[in-house]
């Protein structure tokens, strides 16, 4: 009775199970690498995130320890109080020179 001989080497589903195991191991390794990555913003104490830079919908979120502060752009340019303090010039070599107003 040959059908009673169960040969596991011929079972094609076993290779699929082995592939699933390999993908699970690879996924676990990648998740560990994401967590221990030094550039991960969630593991650092001080992080600044800028969303939609240069647009009227720009938002800046600053995380300092456990405190979160969010600044949203109002869309107005040059708004606020203050006086002109001087002029800044950029030289050909890239240096900046500040000349205060008298």
Protein backbone atom coordinates (compact mmCIF):
# COMPACT_ATOMS: atom_id res chain seq x y z
CA UNK A 1 0.00 0.00 0.00
CA UNK A 2 1.89 2.87 -1.34
CA UNK A 3 -0.61 5.62 -0.40
CA UNK A 4 0.06 4.98 3.29
CA UNK A 5 3.68 6.00 2.84
CA UNK A 6 3.64 9.67 3.71
CA UNK A 7 6.64 11.40 2.18
CA UNK A 8 6.92 14.98 3.50
CA UNK A 9 9.62 15.91 1.01
CA UNK A 10 7.11 15.98 -1.84
CA UNK A 11 4.63 18.28 -0.08
CA UNK A 12 4.67 21.70 -1.87
CA UNK A 13 2.93 23.51 1.00
CA UNK A 14 5.99 23.01 3.20
CA UNK A 15 8.09 25.29 0.99
CA UNK A 16 5.42 28.00 1.27
CA UNK A 17 5.48 27.69 5.04
CA UNK A 18 9.26 28.04 4.99
CA UNK A 19 8.99 31.21 2.87
CA UNK A 20 6.50 32.70 5.33
CA UNK A 21 8.92 31.98 8.17
CA UNK A 22 11.75 33.70 6.30
CA UNK A 23 9.61 36.78 5.64
CA UNK A 24 8.58 36.95 9.31
CA UNK A 25 12.23 36.89 10.38
CA UNK A 26 13.15 39.60 7.85
CA UNK A 27 10.22 41.76 9.01
CA UNK A 28 11.26 41.38 12.65
CA UNK A 29 14.85 42.37 11.83
CA UNK A 30 13.68 45.46 9.92
CA UNK A 31 11.39 46.53 12.78
CA UNK A 32 14.26 46.24 15.26
CA UNK A 33 16.46 48.34 12.98
CA UNK A 34 13.81 51.07 12.79
CA UNK A 35 13.53 51.20 16.57
CA UNK A 36 17.27 51.39 17.26
CA UNK A 37 17.98 53.83 14.41
CA UNK A 38 19.60 56.98 15.89
CA UNK A 39 17.70 59.15 13.40
CA UNK A 40 14.35 57.94 14.71
CA UNK A 41 12.59 61.14 15.87
CA UNK A 42 10.56 59.33 18.53
CA UNK A 43 13.61 58.25 20.54
CA UNK A 44 15.22 61.70 20.80
CA UNK A 45 14.45 64.27 23.49
CA UNK A 46 14.46 67.33 21.21
CA UNK A 47 12.89 67.12 17.75
CA UNK A 48 11.62 69.79 15.34
CA UNK A 49 9.24 68.74 12.56
CA UNK A 50 8.28 71.16 9.76
CA UNK A 51 5.20 70.21 7.75
CA UNK A 52 4.45 71.80 4.34
CA UNK A 53 7.44 74.20 4.36
CA UNK A 54 7.00 77.44 2.44
CA UNK A 55 3.22 77.15 2.11
CA UNK A 56 0.46 79.03 3.94
CA UNK A 57 -0.46 75.73 5.66
CA UNK A 58 3.03 75.36 7.18
CA UNK A 59 3.18 73.92 10.71
CA UNK A 60 6.17 73.58 13.02
CA UNK A 61 6.01 71.04 15.83
CA UNK A 62 8.70 71.10 18.51
CA UNK A 63 9.14 68.23 20.95
CA UNK A 64 11.24 69.12 24.00
CA UNK A 65 11.24 66.13 26.34
CA UNK A 66 7.56 65.38 26.96
CA UNK A 67 6.31 68.85 25.97
CA UNK A 68 4.91 69.40 22.47
CA UNK A 69 4.57 72.91 21.04
CA UNK A 70 2.87 73.57 17.70
CA UNK A 71 3.19 76.75 15.67
CA UNK A 72 0.94 77.33 12.66
CA UNK A 73 1.59 79.87 9.93
CA UNK A 74 -0.98 82.62 9.59
CA UNK A 75 -0.09 83.23 5.94
CA UNK A 76 0.87 86.87 6.60
CA UNK A 77 4.38 87.96 5.73
CA UNK A 78 6.26 90.50 7.81
CA UNK A 79 3.67 90.67 10.53
CA UNK A 80 4.72 91.67 14.03
CA UNK A 81 6.20 94.48 16.02
CA UNK A 82 9.76 95.67 15.96
CA UNK A 83 12.17 98.12 14.39
CA UNK A 84 14.82 97.73 11.76
CA UNK A 85 18.13 96.93 13.45
CA UNK A 86 20.54 97.08 10.53
CA UNK A 87 21.50 95.67 7.16
CA UNK A 88 23.22 92.41 6.27
CA UNK A 89 25.40 92.04 3.18
CA UNK A 90 26.72 88.84 1.64
CA UNK A 91 30.20 88.94 0.12
CA UNK A 92 31.29 87.02 -2.97
CA UNK A 93 33.02 84.37 -0.85
CA UNK A 94 29.81 83.66 1.10
CA UNK A 95 30.62 85.58 4.29
CA UNK A 96 27.89 87.72 5.83
CA UNK A 97 28.53 91.22 7.18
CA UNK A 98 26.07 92.93 9.50
CA UNK A 99 26.03 96.74 9.60
CA UNK A 100 23.99 98.10 12.52
CA UNK A 101 21.91 101.22 12.03
CA UNK A 102 23.04 104.41 13.80
